[in-house]
C-alpha atoms as a PDB file:
ATOM      1  CA  MET A   1     109.911  86.212 104.372  1.00  0.00           C
ATOM      2  CA  ASP A   2     108.490  86.615 100.890  1.00  0.00           C
ATOM      3  CA  ALA A   3     108.030  89.970  99.203  1.00  0.00           C
ATOM      4  CA  LEU A   4     104.971  90.631  97.075  1.00  0.00           C
ATOM      5  CA  ILE A   5     105.987  92.563  93.949  1.00  0.00           C
ATOM      6  CA  LEU A   6     103.188  94.563  92.310  1.00  0.00           C
ATOM      7  CA  ALA A   7     104.128  94.955  88.642  1.00  0.00           C
ATOM      8  CA  ASP A   8     102.374  97.417  86.325  1.00  0.00           C
ATOM      9  CA  GLY A   9     100.270  95.016  84.274  1.00  0.00           C
ATOM     10  CA  ASP A  10      96.771  93.570  84.389  1.00  0.00           C
ATOM     11  CA  GLY A  11      96.491  92.112  87.859  1.00  0.00           C
ATOM     12  CA  PRO A  12      94.305  89.349  89.268  1.00  0.00           C
ATOM     13  CA  SER A  13      91.828  89.879  92.058  1.00  0.00           C
ATOM     14  CA  ARG A  14      92.379  88.508  95.520  1.00  0.00           C
ATOM     15  CA  ARG A  15      89.648  85.946  94.969  1.00  0.00           C
ATOM     16  CA  GLU A  16      91.198  84.729  91.715  1.00  0.00           C
ATOM     17  CA  LEU A  17      94.541  84.130  93.407  1.00  0.00           C
ATOM     18  CA  ASP A  18      92.982  82.492  96.468  1.00  0.00           C
ATOM     19  CA  ASP A  19      90.919  80.149  94.288  1.00  0.00           C
ATOM     20  CA  ALA A  20      93.755  79.193  91.947  1.00  0.00           C
ATOM     21  CA  TRP A  21      96.676  79.118  94.384  1.00  0.00           C
ATOM     22  CA  PRO A  22      95.514  78.662  98.003  1.00  0.00           C
ATOM     23  CA  GLY A  23      98.071  79.940 100.488  1.00  0.00           C
ATOM     24  CA  TRP A  24      99.899  81.996  97.876  1.00  0.00           C
ATOM     25  CA  ASP A  25     100.588  84.828 100.352  1.00  0.00           C
ATOM     26  CA  ASP A  26     101.219  82.821 103.531  1.00  0.00           C
ATOM     27  CA  ALA A  27     104.869  83.927 103.719  1.00  0.00           C
ATOM     28  CA  VAL A  28     104.422  87.487 102.408  1.00  0.00           C
ATOM     29  CA  GLY A  29     105.723  90.072 104.858  1.00  0.00           C
ATOM     30  CA  LEU A  30     106.682  92.901 102.511  1.00  0.00           C
ATOM     31  CA  VAL A  31     104.904  94.602  99.596  1.00  0.00           C
ATOM     32  CA  VAL A  32     106.891  96.513  96.957  1.00  0.00           C
ATOM     33  CA  ALA A  33     105.055  98.337  94.162  1.00  0.00           C
ATOM     34  CA  ALA A  34     106.696  98.920  90.786  1.00  0.00           C
ATOM     35  CA  ASP A  35     105.382 102.261  89.496  1.00  0.00           C
ATOM     36  CA  GLY A  36     101.769 101.795  88.300  1.00  0.00           C
ATOM     37  CA  GLY A  37     101.642  98.433  90.036  1.00  0.00           C
ATOM     38  CA  ALA A  38     100.596 100.421  93.095  1.00  0.00           C
ATOM     39  CA  ARG A  39      97.061 100.363  91.660  1.00  0.00           C
ATOM     40  CA  LEU A  40      96.855  96.609  92.329  1.00  0.00           C
ATOM     41  CA  ALA A  41      97.139  97.001  96.090  1.00  0.00           C
ATOM     42  CA  ASP A  42      93.452  97.696  96.767  1.00  0.00           C
ATOM     43  CA  ALA A  43      92.186  94.729  94.734  1.00  0.00           C
ATOM     44  CA  LEU A  44      94.562  92.424  96.591  1.00  0.00           C
ATOM     45  CA  GLY A  45      93.823  93.918  99.981  1.00  0.00           C
ATOM     46  CA  VAL A  46      97.463  94.717 100.752  1.00  0.00           C
ATOM     47  CA  THR A  47      99.333  97.757 102.015  1.00  0.00           C
ATOM     48  CA  ILE A  48     102.374  99.002 100.109  1.00  0.00           C
ATOM     49  CA  ASP A  49     105.603  99.098 102.123  1.00  0.00           C
ATOM     50  CA  ARG A  50     107.842 100.555  99.404  1.00  0.00           C
ATOM     51  CA  TRP A  51     107.265 102.161  95.998  1.00  0.00           C
ATOM     52  CA  VAL A  52     109.917 102.064  93.264  1.00  0.00           C
ATOM     53  CA  GLY A  53     109.926 103.476  89.735  1.00  0.00           C
ATOM     54  CA  ASP A  54     110.173 106.517  87.498  1.00  0.00           C
ATOM     55  CA  GLY A  55     106.527 107.535  87.953  1.00  0.00           C
ATOM     56  CA  ASP A  56     105.547 107.629  84.303  1.00  0.00           C
ATOM     57  CA  SER A  57     102.788 105.042  84.794  1.00  0.00           C
ATOM     58  CA  LEU A  58     101.428 106.116  88.157  1.00  0.00           C
ATOM     59  CA  GLY A  59     101.468 109.888  87.700  1.00  0.00           C
ATOM     60  CA  ASP A  60     102.437 112.704  90.041  1.00  0.00           C
ATOM     61  CA  ALA A  61      99.096 113.028  91.835  1.00  0.00           C
ATOM     62  CA  ALA A  62      98.954 109.364  92.833  1.00  0.00           C
ATOM     63  CA  LEU A  63     102.626 109.408  93.776  1.00  0.00           C
ATOM     64  CA  ASP A  64     102.047 112.442  95.987  1.00  0.00           C
ATOM     65  CA  ALA A  65      99.229 110.528  97.688  1.00  0.00           C
ATOM     66  CA  LEU A  66     101.603 107.660  98.478  1.00  0.00           C
ATOM     67  CA  ILE A  67     104.134 110.080  99.929  1.00  0.00           C
ATOM     68  CA  ALA A  68     101.417 111.761 102.003  1.00  0.00           C
ATOM     69  CA  ALA A  69     100.455 108.331 103.357  1.00  0.00           C
ATOM     70  CA  GLY A  70     104.018 107.850 104.589  1.00  0.00           C
ATOM     71  CA  ILE A  71     105.028 105.170 102.092  1.00  0.00           C
ATOM     72  CA  PRO A  72     108.769 105.256 101.334  1.00  0.00           C
ATOM     73  CA  VAL A  73     109.363 106.191  97.689  1.00  0.00           C
ATOM     74  CA  GLU A  74     112.435 105.474  95.530  1.00  0.00           C
ATOM     75  CA  ARG A  75     111.996 107.517  92.358  1.00  0.00           C
ATOM     76  CA  THR A  76     114.397 107.028  89.459  1.00  0.00           C
ATOM     77  CA  ARG A  77     115.110 108.739  86.160  1.00  0.00           C
ATOM     78  CA  PRO A  78     113.061 107.557  83.163  1.00  0.00           C
ATOM     79  CA  ASP A  79     116.218 106.937  81.083  1.00  0.00           C
ATOM     80  CA  LYS A  80     117.442 103.921  83.040  1.00  0.00           C
ATOM     81  CA  ASP A  81     118.700 100.478  82.088  1.00  0.00           C
ATOM     82  CA  GLU A  82     116.423  98.540  84.453  1.00  0.00           C
ATOM     83  CA  SER A  83     112.669  98.104  84.271  1.00  0.00           C
ATOM     84  CA  ASP A  84     110.565  99.257  87.207  1.00  0.00           C
ATOM     85  CA  THR A  85     109.818  95.617  88.058  1.00  0.00           C
ATOM     86  CA  GLU A  86     113.524  94.819  88.094  1.00  0.00           C
ATOM     87  CA  LEU A  87     114.124  97.751  90.458  1.00  0.00           C
ATOM     88  CA  ALA A  88     111.324  96.524  92.705  1.00  0.00           C
ATOM     89  CA  ILE A  89     112.943  93.080  92.858  1.00  0.00           C
ATOM     90  CA  ASP A  90     116.278  94.672  93.736  1.00  0.00           C
ATOM     91  CA  ALA A  91     114.594  96.683  96.491  1.00  0.00           C
ATOM     92  CA  ALA A  92     112.860  93.623  97.926  1.00  0.00           C
ATOM     93  CA  ILE A  93     116.141  91.715  98.117  1.00  0.00           C
ATOM     94  CA  ARG A  94     117.831  94.708  99.723  1.00  0.00           C
ATOM     95  CA  LEU A  95     115.036  94.828 102.306  1.00  0.00           C
ATOM     96  CA  GLY A  96     115.627  91.207 103.282  1.00  0.00           C
ATOM     97  CA  ALA A  97     113.208  89.131 101.212  1.00  0.00           C
ATOM     98  CA  ASP A  98     114.066  85.442 100.958  1.00  0.00           C
ATOM     99  CA  GLY A  99     111.502  84.817  98.218  1.00  0.00           C
ATOM    100  CA  LEU A 100     109.302  86.738  95.799  1.00  0.00           C
ATOM    101  CA  VAL A 101     105.710  86.532  94.618  1.00  0.00           C
ATOM    102  CA  VAL A 102     105.198  88.721  91.539  1.00  0.00           C
ATOM    103  CA  VAL A 103     101.722  89.727  90.307  1.00  0.00           C
ATOM    104  CA  GLY A 104     100.719  92.002  87.445  1.00  0.00           C
ATOM    105  CA  ALA A 105     103.656  90.740  85.395  1.00  0.00           C
ATOM    106  CA  LEU A 106     101.899  88.744  82.666  1.00  0.00           C
ATOM    107  CA  GLY A 107      99.010  90.869  81.415  1.00  0.00           C
ATOM    108  CA  GLY A 108      98.823  94.236  79.728  1.00  0.00           C
ATOM    109  CA  PRO A 109      98.937  95.778  76.262  1.00  0.00           C
ATOM    110  CA  ARG A 110     102.600  94.927  75.525  1.00  0.00           C
ATOM    111  CA  ILE A 111     103.837  91.361  75.248  1.00  0.00           C
ATOM    112  CA  ASP A 112     107.456  92.533  75.445  1.00  0.00           C
ATOM    113  CA  HIS A 113     106.873  93.575  79.051  1.00  0.00           C
ATOM    114  CA  ALA A 114     105.455  90.144  79.891  1.00  0.00           C
ATOM    115  CA  LEU A 115     108.413  88.401  78.255  1.00  0.00           C
ATOM    116  CA  ALA A 116     110.860  90.717  80.000  1.00  0.00           C
ATOM    117  CA  ASN A 117     109.224  90.003  83.363  1.00  0.00           C
ATOM    118  CA  ILE A 118     109.507  86.256  82.797  1.00  0.00           C
ATOM    119  CA  GLY A 119     113.144  86.791  81.841  1.00  0.00           C
ATOM    120  CA  LEU A 120     113.759  88.423  85.220  1.00  0.00           C
ATOM    121  CA  LEU A 121     113.362  84.993  86.808  1.00  0.00           C
ATOM    122  CA  ALA A 122     116.899  84.272  85.581  1.00  0.00           C
ATOM    123  CA  MET A 123     118.450  87.216  87.458  1.00  0.00           C
ATOM    124  CA  PRO A 124     121.620  85.947  89.176  1.00  0.00           C
ATOM    125  CA  GLU A 125     120.477  87.606  92.409  1.00  0.00           C
ATOM    126  CA  LEU A 126     117.457  85.268  92.523  1.00  0.00           C
ATOM    127  CA  GLN A 127     119.409  82.025  92.519  1.00  0.00           C
ATOM    128  CA  GLY A 128     118.500  80.025  95.601  1.00  0.00           C
ATOM    129  CA  ARG A 129     115.378  82.099  96.334  1.00  0.00           C
ATOM    130  CA  ARG A 130     111.746  81.045  95.990  1.00  0.00           C
ATOM    131  CA  VAL A 131     110.304  83.099  93.116  1.00  0.00           C
ATOM    132  CA  VAL A 132     106.943  82.767  91.350  1.00  0.00           C
ATOM    133  CA  ILE A 133     104.957  84.921  88.945  1.00  0.00           C
ATOM    134  CA  LEU A 134     101.224  84.563  89.562  1.00  0.00           C
ATOM    135  CA  ASP A 135      97.936  85.473  88.001  1.00  0.00           C
ATOM    136  CA  GLY A 136      94.543  83.815  88.135  1.00  0.00           C
ATOM    137  CA  THR A 137      95.443  81.266  85.462  1.00  0.00           C
ATOM    138  CA  SER A 138      99.211  80.736  85.696  1.00  0.00           C
ATOM    139  CA  ARG A 139     101.984  80.074  88.188  1.00  0.00           C
ATOM    140  CA  VAL A 140     105.384  80.583  86.550  1.00  0.00           C
ATOM    141  CA  SER A 141     108.748  79.682  88.032  1.00  0.00           C
ATOM    142  CA  LEU A 142     112.249  78.818  86.855  1.00  0.00           C
ATOM    143  CA  VAL A 143     114.418  75.829  87.702  1.00  0.00           C
ATOM    144  CA  ARG A 144     118.139  76.401  87.236  1.00  0.00           C
ATOM    145  CA  ALA A 145     120.521  73.484  87.438  1.00  0.00           C
ATOM    146  CA  PRO A 146     122.889  72.244  88.594  1.00  0.00           C
ATOM    147  CA  ALA A 147     122.801  73.345  92.220  1.00  0.00           C
ATOM    148  CA  PRO A 148     125.853  75.258  93.533  1.00  0.00           C
ATOM    149  CA  ASP A 149     127.388  71.937  94.611  1.00  0.00           C
ATOM    150  CA  GLY A 150     126.969  70.498  91.108  1.00  0.00           C
ATOM    151  CA  THR A 151     124.096  68.160  91.888  1.00  0.00           C
ATOM    152  CA  PRO A 152     120.742  67.995  90.061  1.00  0.00           C
ATOM    153  CA  VAL A 153     117.940  70.239  91.312  1.00  0.00           C
ATOM    154  CA  ARG A 154     114.639  68.807  92.527  1.00  0.00           C
ATOM    155  CA  ARG A 155     111.557  71.038  92.501  1.00  0.00           C
ATOM    156  CA  ALA A 156     108.297  70.051  94.171  1.00  0.00           C
ATOM    157  CA  LEU A 157     105.159  70.848  92.156  1.00  0.00           C
ATOM    158  CA  PRO A 158     102.351  70.405  94.692  1.00  0.00           C
ATOM    159  CA  GLY A 159      98.802  71.049  93.601  1.00  0.00           C
ATOM    160  CA  PRO A 160      95.489  69.475  92.685  1.00  0.00           C
ATOM    161  CA  ARG A 161      95.342  66.480  90.409  1.00  0.00           C
ATOM    162  CA  ASP A 162      94.541  67.206  86.751  1.00  0.00           C
ATOM    163  CA  GLY A 163      96.308  70.579  86.931  1.00  0.00           C
ATOM    164  CA  LEU A 164      98.397  71.407  83.868  1.00  0.00           C
ATOM    165  CA  VAL A 165     102.187  71.616  84.023  1.00  0.00           C
ATOM    166  CA  SER A 166     104.254  72.813  81.051  1.00  0.00           C
ATOM    167  CA  LEU A 167     108.031  72.435  81.050  1.00  0.00           C
ATOM    168  CA  LEU A 168     109.687  74.850  78.622  1.00  0.00           C
ATOM    169  CA  PRO A 169     113.447  75.052  78.026  1.00  0.00           C
ATOM    170  CA  VAL A 170     115.233  78.382  78.128  1.00  0.00           C
ATOM    171  CA  GLY A 171     118.546  79.099  76.410  1.00  0.00           C
ATOM    172  CA  PRO A 172     120.419  76.269  74.697  1.00  0.00           C
ATOM    173  CA  GLY A 173     118.183  73.585  76.194  1.00  0.00           C
ATOM    174  CA  VAL A 174     117.807  71.449  79.291  1.00  0.00           C
ATOM    175  CA  GLU A 175     119.392  68.099  80.109  1.00  0.00           C
ATOM    176  CA  GLY A 176     118.436  65.299  82.454  1.00  0.00           C
ATOM    177  CA  VAL A 177     114.769  66.067  83.148  1.00  0.00           C
ATOM    178  CA  THR A 178     112.939  63.517  85.277  1.00  0.00           C
ATOM    179  CA  THR A 179     109.294  63.911  86.305  1.00  0.00           C
ATOM    180  CA  HIS A 180     107.340  62.400  89.181  1.00  0.00           C
ATOM    181  CA  GLY A 181     103.569  62.398  89.429  1.00  0.00           C
ATOM    182  CA  LEU A 182     102.915  63.695  85.905  1.00  0.00           C
ATOM    183  CA  ALA A 183     100.886  61.833  83.289  1.00  0.00           C
ATOM    184  CA  TYR A 184     103.566  61.920  80.582  1.00  0.00           C
ATOM    185  CA  PRO A 185     106.797  60.880  82.281  1.00  0.00           C
ATOM    186  CA  LEU A 186     110.331  61.932  81.493  1.00  0.00           C
ATOM    187  CA  ALA A 187     113.282  59.899  82.747  1.00  0.00           C
ATOM    188  CA  ASP A 188     116.618  61.745  82.648  1.00  0.00           C
ATOM    189  CA  GLU A 189     115.733  63.156  79.211  1.00  0.00           C
ATOM    190  CA  PRO A 190     116.613  66.364  77.317  1.00  0.00           C
ATOM    191  CA  LEU A 191     114.205  69.151  76.441  1.00  0.00           C
ATOM    192  CA  PRO A 192     115.873  71.026  73.564  1.00  0.00           C
ATOM    193  CA  LEU A 193     115.070  74.596  72.638  1.00  0.00           C
ATOM    194  CA  GLY A 194     112.796  74.835  69.615  1.00  0.00           C
ATOM    195  CA  ARG A 195     110.670  71.827  70.561  1.00  0.00           C
ATOM    196  CA  VAL A 196     107.601  71.781  72.802  1.00  0.00           C
ATOM    197  CA  ARG A 197     107.533  68.225  74.115  1.00  0.00           C
ATOM    198  CA  GLY A 198     107.086  69.523  77.658  1.00  0.00           C
ATOM    199  CA  LEU A 199     103.873  71.426  76.876  1.00  0.00           C
ATOM    200  CA  SER A 200     100.627  70.554  78.700  1.00  0.00           C
ATOM    201  CA  ASN A 201     101.641  67.707  80.958  1.00  0.00           C
ATOM    202  CA  VAL A 202      99.090  66.785  83.627  1.00  0.00           C
ATOM    203  CA  ARG A 203      99.538  66.387  87.386  1.00  0.00           C
ATOM    204  CA  VAL A 204      98.237  62.969  88.462  1.00  0.00           C
ATOM    205  CA  GLU A 205      99.598  63.079  92.006  1.00  0.00           C
ATOM    206  CA  GLY A 206      99.303  65.910  94.498  1.00  0.00           C
ATOM    207  CA  ASP A 207     103.001  65.695  95.353  1.00  0.00           C
ATOM    208  CA  ALA A 208     104.352  65.867  91.797  1.00  0.00           C
ATOM    209  CA  ALA A 209     107.956  66.939  91.298  1.00  0.00           C
ATOM    210  CA  ILE A 210     110.664  67.357  88.676  1.00  0.00           C
ATOM    211  CA  VAL A 211     114.418  66.861  88.715  1.00  0.00           C
ATOM    212  CA  VAL A 212     116.721  68.792  86.357  1.00  0.00           C
ATOM    213  CA  ARG A 213     120.379  67.948  85.823  1.00  0.00           C
ATOM    214  CA  ARG A 214     121.448  70.969  83.748  1.00  0.00           C
ATOM    215  CA  GLY A 215     119.934  74.092  82.194  1.00  0.00           C
ATOM    216  CA  LEU A 216     117.169  76.619  82.730  1.00  0.00           C
ATOM    217  CA  LEU A 217     113.652  75.166  82.729  1.00  0.00           C
ATOM    218  CA  LEU A 218     110.559  77.366  82.822  1.00  0.00           C
ATOM    219  CA  VAL A 219     107.679  75.747  84.712  1.00  0.00           C
ATOM    220  CA  VAL A 220     104.174  77.037  83.924  1.00  0.00           C
ATOM    221  CA  GLU A 221     101.332  75.603  85.996  1.00  0.00           C
ATOM    222  CA  SER A 222      97.656  76.182  85.226  1.00  0.00           C
ATOM    223  CA  PRO A 223      94.378  75.023  86.803  1.00  0.00           C
ATOM    224  CA  ALA A 224      92.770  71.955  85.283  1.00  0.00           C
ATOM    225  CA  THR A 225      89.924  74.013  83.815  1.00  0.00           C
ATOM    226  CA  LEU A 226      92.198  75.723  81.250  1.00  0.00           C
END
């Protein structure tokens, strides 16, 4: 079961997600709203199963409406170490989610929130789980290697031909990157931090994939029209 995390940023419409990423919610069985992310539920046509946050973005009146509707609420103090999105991820894992689909995490007035949300992909608790951040123009995920048994990690990148795929190193850099089905191939090569060689590759096969031997590699996919 995947959990849909509603973060408190500019969110895509249901149609935008369906057009860009068909089947994006096929495995979703749980919806967790992070504070003001509750406002995204109507546009996506989903029902909130759990609300988490300090309430500073949603406001008391809207929070009272959620409580009146019978939605379980986990309210926290404003002076906390975690972001509301991080708390929502923790709640989803606690409620049994095997994977996460996060929306509303990339847009909004503050770029630091978007960067922080992308950084959450590296949470230790998410290792081994399917996790993507989605909006109408981007699908963001993280490959971490090696696998627990020390072997390289293979990640399938299915999608339409001509779609864009950017491979961006995180941390000290990435070693042993091999691509399949992308226009500009890599064969067991490094992607060092501070260089952008992996930017704007192109999917030429519907069953494209990458293999990573070591490091954290951010994968950003975009439709061919961008």
